[in-house]
PDB file of N, CA and C in Angstrom:
ATOM      1  N   MET A   1      66.308  50.579 -88.079  1.00  0.00           N
ATOM      2  CA  MET A   1      67.847  51.161 -88.724  1.00  0.00           C
ATOM      3  C   MET A   1      67.680  50.689 -89.775  1.00  0.00           C
ATOM      4  N   GLU A   2      67.947  48.814 -89.889  1.00  0.00           N
ATOM      5  CA  GLU A   2      68.145  48.399 -90.679  1.00  0.00           C
ATOM      6  C   GLU A   2      67.239  48.359 -91.883  1.00  0.00           C
ATOM      7  N   SER A   3      66.364  48.312 -92.123  1.00  0.00           N
ATOM      8  CA  SER A   3      65.263  48.739 -93.049  1.00  0.00           C
ATOM      9  C   SER A   3      65.824  50.396 -93.231  1.00  0.00           C
ATOM     10  N   PHE A   4      66.191  50.999 -92.754  1.00  0.00           N
ATOM     11  CA  PHE A   4      67.190  52.174 -93.917  1.00  0.00           C
ATOM     12  C   PHE A   4      68.375  51.562 -94.650  1.00  0.00           C
ATOM     13  N   TRP A   5      69.147  51.142 -93.842  1.00  0.00           N
ATOM     14  CA  TRP A   5      70.119  51.107 -94.060  1.00  0.00           C
ATOM     15  C   TRP A   5      69.834  49.952 -95.808  1.00  0.00           C
ATOM     16  N   MET A   6      69.338  49.077 -95.710  1.00  0.00           N
ATOM     17  CA  MET A   6      68.519  48.225 -96.736  1.00  0.00           C
ATOM     18  C   MET A   6      68.336  48.828 -98.090  1.00  0.00           C
ATOM     19  N   ARG A   7      67.177  48.954 -97.481  1.00  0.00           N
ATOM     20  CA  ARG A   7      66.219  50.758 -98.633  1.00  0.00           C
ATOM     21  C   ARG A   7      67.572  51.032 -99.384  1.00  0.00           C
ATOM     22  N   ALA A   8      68.662  51.797 -98.733  1.00  0.00           N
ATOM     23  CA  ALA A   8      69.572  53.301 -99.099  1.00  0.00           C
ATOM     24  C   ALA A   8      70.120  51.628-100.262  1.00  0.00           C
ATOM     25  N   LEU A   9      70.545  50.698 -99.677  1.00  0.00           N
ATOM     26  CA  LEU A   9      72.639  49.617-100.337  1.00  0.00           C
ATOM     27  C   LEU A   9      70.699  49.282-101.422  1.00  0.00           C
ATOM     28  N   ASP A  10      69.975  49.666-101.420  1.00  0.00           N
ATOM     29  CA  ASP A  10      69.626  48.293-102.802  1.00  0.00           C
ATOM     30  C   ASP A  10      68.959  50.035-103.509  1.00  0.00           C
ATOM     31  N   ASP A  11      68.359  51.106-102.839  1.00  0.00           N
ATOM     32  CA  ASP A  11      68.848  52.051-103.800  1.00  0.00           C
ATOM     33  C   ASP A  11      70.528  53.089-104.644  1.00  0.00           C
ATOM     34  N   ALA A  12      71.076  52.323-104.068  1.00  0.00           N
ATOM     35  CA  ALA A  12      72.143  52.227-104.836  1.00  0.00           C
ATOM     36  C   ALA A  12      72.957  51.514-105.658  1.00  0.00           C
ATOM     37  N   GLU A  13      72.068  50.575-105.464  1.00  0.00           N
ATOM     38  CA  GLU A  13      72.205  49.252-106.768  1.00  0.00           C
ATOM     39  C   GLU A  13      71.623  49.607-107.737  1.00  0.00           C
ATOM     40  N   ARG A  14      70.155  49.912-107.691  1.00  0.00           N
ATOM     41  CA  ARG A  14      69.768  50.131-108.637  1.00  0.00           C
ATOM     42  C   ARG A  14      70.306  51.103-109.627  1.00  0.00           C
ATOM     43  N   ALA A  15      70.755  52.163-108.762  1.00  0.00           N
ATOM     44  CA  ALA A  15      71.462  53.714-109.347  1.00  0.00           C
ATOM     45  C   ALA A  15      72.394  52.957-110.176  1.00  0.00           C
ATOM     46  N   GLU A  16      73.242  52.180-109.420  1.00  0.00           N
ATOM     47  CA  GLU A  16      74.400  51.666-110.490  1.00  0.00           C
ATOM     48  C   GLU A  16      74.561  50.922-111.329  1.00  0.00           C
ATOM     49  N   ALA A  17      73.086  50.337-111.299  1.00  0.00           N
ATOM     50  CA  ALA A  17      73.168  49.430-112.782  1.00  0.00           C
ATOM     51  C   ALA A  17      72.248  50.343-113.152  1.00  0.00           C
ATOM     52  N   ARG A  18      70.947  51.945-112.792  1.00  0.00           N
ATOM     53  CA  ARG A  18      71.008  52.768-114.247  1.00  0.00           C
ATOM     54  C   ARG A  18      71.957  53.505-114.316  1.00  0.00           C
ATOM     55  N   ALA A  19      73.165  53.503-113.734  1.00  0.00           N
ATOM     56  CA  ALA A  19      74.608  54.394-113.907  1.00  0.00           C
ATOM     57  C   ALA A  19      75.107  53.737-115.574  1.00  0.00           C
ATOM     58  N   LYS A  20      75.695  52.235-114.920  1.00  0.00           N
ATOM     59  CA  LYS A  20      75.970  51.445-116.552  1.00  0.00           C
ATOM     60  C   LYS A  20      75.159  51.496-117.901  1.00  0.00           C
ATOM     61  N   ALA A  21      73.604  51.239-117.769  1.00  0.00           N
ATOM     62  CA  ALA A  21      73.222  50.758-118.608  1.00  0.00           C
ATOM     63  C   ALA A  21      73.463  52.209-118.875  1.00  0.00           C
ATOM     64  N   LEU A  22      73.438  53.620-118.895  1.00  0.00           N
ATOM     65  CA  LEU A  22      73.476  54.966-119.589  1.00  0.00           C
ATOM     66  C   LEU A  22      74.760  54.836-119.758  1.00  0.00           C
ATOM     67  N   ARG A  23      75.607  54.710-119.278  1.00  0.00           N
ATOM     68  CA  ARG A  23      77.256  54.589-120.172  1.00  0.00           C
ATOM     69  C   ARG A  23      77.290  53.180-120.411  1.00  0.00           C
ATOM     70  N   ALA A  24      76.913  52.553-120.956  1.00  0.00           N
ATOM     71  CA  ALA A  24      76.941  51.596-121.733  1.00  0.00           C
ATOM     72  C   ALA A  24      76.301  52.236-123.561  1.00  0.00           C
ATOM     73  N   ARG A  25      75.010  52.851-123.382  1.00  0.00           N
ATOM     74  CA  ARG A  25      73.981  53.376-123.824  1.00  0.00           C
ATOM     75  C   ARG A  25      74.719  54.421-124.618  1.00  0.00           C
ATOM     76  N   PHE A  26      75.399  55.523-124.238  1.00  0.00           N
ATOM     77  CA  PHE A  26      75.874  56.960-124.722  1.00  0.00           C
ATOM     78  C   PHE A  26      76.693  57.313-124.284  1.00  0.00           C
ATOM     79  N   GLY A  27      77.992  56.571-123.620  1.00  0.00           N
ATOM     80  CA  GLY A  27      78.944  56.514-123.430  1.00  0.00           C
ATOM     81  C   GLY A  27      79.329  57.948-122.960  1.00  0.00           C
ATOM     82  N   GLU A  28      80.829  58.671-123.082  1.00  0.00           N
ATOM     83  CA  GLU A  28      80.996  59.520-122.591  1.00  0.00           C
ATOM     84  C   GLU A  28      80.074  60.780-122.440  1.00  0.00           C
ATOM     85  N   SER A  29      79.126  60.858-123.044  1.00  0.00           N
ATOM     86  CA  SER A  29      77.811  61.984-122.884  1.00  0.00           C
ATOM     87  C   SER A  29      76.034  61.270-122.145  1.00  0.00           C
ATOM     88  N   ALA A  30      76.859  59.917-121.656  1.00  0.00           N
ATOM     89  CA  ALA A  30      76.175  59.998-120.636  1.00  0.00           C
ATOM     90  C   ALA A  30      76.047  60.783-119.034  1.00  0.00           C
ATOM     91  N   GLU A  31      76.781  61.379-118.629  1.00  0.00           N
ATOM     92  CA  GLU A  31      76.819  62.060-117.935  1.00  0.00           C
ATOM     93  C   GLU A  31      75.857  63.239-118.562  1.00  0.00           C
ATOM     94  N   ALA A  32      76.588  63.407-119.724  1.00  0.00           N
ATOM     95  CA  ALA A  32      75.148  65.051-119.909  1.00  0.00           C
ATOM     96  C   ALA A  32      74.034  64.691-120.340  1.00  0.00           C
ATOM     97  N   ARG A  33      74.013  63.458-120.459  1.00  0.00           N
ATOM     98  CA  ARG A  33      72.090  63.464-120.415  1.00  0.00           C
ATOM     99  C   ARG A  33      71.715  63.417-119.263  1.00  0.00           C
ATOM    100  N   CYS A  34      72.210  62.698-118.192  1.00  0.00           N
ATOM    101  CA  CYS A  34      71.808  62.640-116.818  1.00  0.00           C
ATOM    102  C   CYS A  34      71.514  64.208-116.687  1.00  0.00           C
ATOM    103  N   ARG A  35      72.828  64.797-116.421  1.00  0.00           N
ATOM    104  CA  ARG A  35      72.873  66.477-115.990  1.00  0.00           C
ATOM    105  C   ARG A  35      71.466  67.199-116.839  1.00  0.00           C
ATOM    106  N   ALA A  36      71.358  66.638-118.392  1.00  0.00           N
ATOM    107  CA  ALA A  36      70.387  67.705-118.941  1.00  0.00           C
ATOM    108  C   ALA A  36      69.224  66.930-118.649  1.00  0.00           C
ATOM    109  N   GLU A  37      68.715  65.774-118.095  1.00  0.00           N
ATOM    110  CA  GLU A  37      67.253  65.303-117.596  1.00  0.00           C
ATOM    111  C   GLU A  37      67.335  66.249-116.286  1.00  0.00           C
ATOM    112  N   LEU A  38      68.118  65.855-114.917  1.00  0.00           N
ATOM    113  CA  LEU A  38      68.234  66.430-113.876  1.00  0.00           C
ATOM    114  C   LEU A  38      67.538  67.574-113.791  1.00  0.00           C
ATOM    115  N   GLN A  39      68.771  68.637-114.928  1.00  0.00           N
ATOM    116  CA  GLN A  39      68.011  69.962-114.874  1.00  0.00           C
ATOM    117  C   GLN A  39      66.655  70.290-115.494  1.00  0.00           C
ATOM    118  N   SER A  40      65.937  69.379-116.301  1.00  0.00           N
ATOM    119  CA  SER A  40      64.400  69.186-116.300  1.00  0.00           C
ATOM    120  C   SER A  40      63.684  68.860-115.581  1.00  0.00           C
ATOM    121  N   PHE A  41      64.409  68.868-114.650  1.00  0.00           N
ATOM    122  CA  PHE A  41      62.755  68.322-113.795  1.00  0.00           C
ATOM    123  C   PHE A  41      62.324  69.271-112.325  1.00  0.00           C
ATOM    124  N   ASP A  42      61.581  69.337-112.040  1.00  0.00           N
ATOM    125  CA  ASP A  42      61.860  70.803-110.962  1.00  0.00           C
ATOM    126  C   ASP A  42      61.848  70.450-109.933  1.00  0.00           C
ATOM    127  N   GLU A  43      62.443  71.046-109.287  1.00  0.00           N
ATOM    128  CA  GLU A  43      62.835  71.184-107.546  1.00  0.00           C
ATOM    129  C   GLU A  43      62.297  69.780-106.743  1.00  0.00           C
ATOM    130  N   ARG A  44      60.244  70.087-106.250  1.00  0.00           N
ATOM    131  CA  ARG A  44      59.789  69.291-105.878  1.00  0.00           C
ATOM    132  C   ARG A  44      59.380  67.765-106.563  1.00  0.00           C
ATOM    133  N   ASP A  45      60.195  67.647-107.977  1.00  0.00           N
ATOM    134  CA  ASP A  45      59.313  66.135-108.380  1.00  0.00           C
ATOM    135  C   ASP A  45      60.411  65.924-107.697  1.00  0.00           C
ATOM    136  N   PRO A  46      59.741  64.798-107.063  1.00  0.00           N
ATOM    137  CA  PRO A  46      60.326  62.720-106.367  1.00  0.00           C
ATOM    138  C   PRO A  46      61.610  62.094-107.770  1.00  0.00           C
ATOM    139  N   ARG A  47      60.874  62.429-108.769  1.00  0.00           N
ATOM    140  CA  ARG A  47      62.163  61.786-109.794  1.00  0.00           C
ATOM    141  C   ARG A  47      63.736  62.282-109.764  1.00  0.00           C
ATOM    142  N   ARG A  48      63.340  63.627-109.236  1.00  0.00           N
ATOM    143  CA  ARG A  48      64.987  64.261-109.530  1.00  0.00           C
ATOM    144  C   ARG A  48      65.184  63.443-108.283  1.00  0.00           C
ATOM    145  N   ARG A  49      65.414  63.057-107.635  1.00  0.00           N
ATOM    146  CA  ARG A  49      66.292  62.121-106.221  1.00  0.00           C
ATOM    147  C   ARG A  49      66.658  61.154-106.769  1.00  0.00           C
ATOM    148  N   ARG A  50      66.090  60.284-107.146  1.00  0.00           N
ATOM    149  CA  ARG A  50      66.474  58.796-108.348  1.00  0.00           C
ATOM    150  C   ARG A  50      67.485  59.233-109.536  1.00  0.00           C
ATOM    151  N   VAL A  51      66.792  60.158-110.050  1.00  0.00           N
ATOM    152  CA  VAL A  51      67.702  61.072-111.374  1.00  0.00           C
ATOM    153  C   VAL A  51      69.089  61.402-111.328  1.00  0.00           C
ATOM    154  N   ALA A  52      69.320  62.037-109.330  1.00  0.00           N
ATOM    155  CA  ALA A  52      70.083  62.952-108.881  1.00  0.00           C
ATOM    156  C   ALA A  52      71.721  61.319-108.873  1.00  0.00           C
ATOM    157  N   ASP A  53      70.613  60.405-108.241  1.00  0.00           N
ATOM    158  CA  ASP A  53      71.777  59.510-107.459  1.00  0.00           C
ATOM    159  C   ASP A  53      72.274  58.940-108.898  1.00  0.00           C
ATOM    160  N   VAL A  54      71.216  58.401-109.784  1.00  0.00           N
ATOM    161  CA  VAL A  54      72.122  57.521-111.032  1.00  0.00           C
ATOM    162  C   VAL A  54      73.731  58.539-111.260  1.00  0.00           C
ATOM    163  N   PHE A  55      73.100  60.332-111.199  1.00  0.00           N
ATOM    164  CA  PHE A  55      74.477  60.788-111.805  1.00  0.00           C
ATOM    165  C   PHE A  55      75.930  60.708-111.145  1.00  0.00           C
ATOM    166  N   ARG A  56      75.231  60.405-109.680  1.00  0.00           N
ATOM    167  CA  ARG A  56      76.206  60.459-108.219  1.00  0.00           C
ATOM    168  C   ARG A  56      76.770  59.123-108.886  1.00  0.00           C
ATOM    169  N   ALA A  57      76.120  57.858-109.524  1.00  0.00           N
ATOM    170  CA  ALA A  57      76.543  56.444-109.824  1.00  0.00           C
ATOM    171  C   ALA A  57      77.832  56.718-110.984  1.00  0.00           C
ATOM    172  N   LEU A  58      77.143  57.674-112.024  1.00  0.00           N
ATOM    173  CA  LEU A  58      77.773  57.354-113.292  1.00  0.00           C
ATOM    174  C   LEU A  58      79.536  58.074-112.739  1.00  0.00           C
ATOM    175  N   ARG A  59      79.317  58.428-111.871  1.00  0.00           N
ATOM    176  CA  ARG A  59      80.519  59.891-111.504  1.00  0.00           C
ATOM    177  C   ARG A  59      81.572  58.486-111.122  1.00  0.00           C
ATOM    178  N   TRP A  60      80.967  57.628-109.988  1.00  0.00           N
ATOM    179  CA  TRP A  60      82.203  57.127-109.789  1.00  0.00           C
ATOM    180  C   TRP A  60      82.291  55.290-111.076  1.00  0.00           C
ATOM    181  N   THR A  61      81.350  55.083-111.819  1.00  0.00           N
ATOM    182  CA  THR A  61      80.805  54.073-112.698  1.00  0.00           C
ATOM    183  C   THR A  61      82.168  53.869-114.847  1.00  0.00           C
TER     184      THR A  61
END
């Protein structure tokens, strides 16, 4: 169980770092760009989850 939480923490930290980089690069339009990228993926695309994590992190950073 501990490894699950460590992976979740690592995923969250990576998402937050990517969100901060996107915010620095695109400013206020970072959320819109991330949302557009998210919508471009198929529902079953594994990248969708990572982009969704970044999108949530953008909302909190």
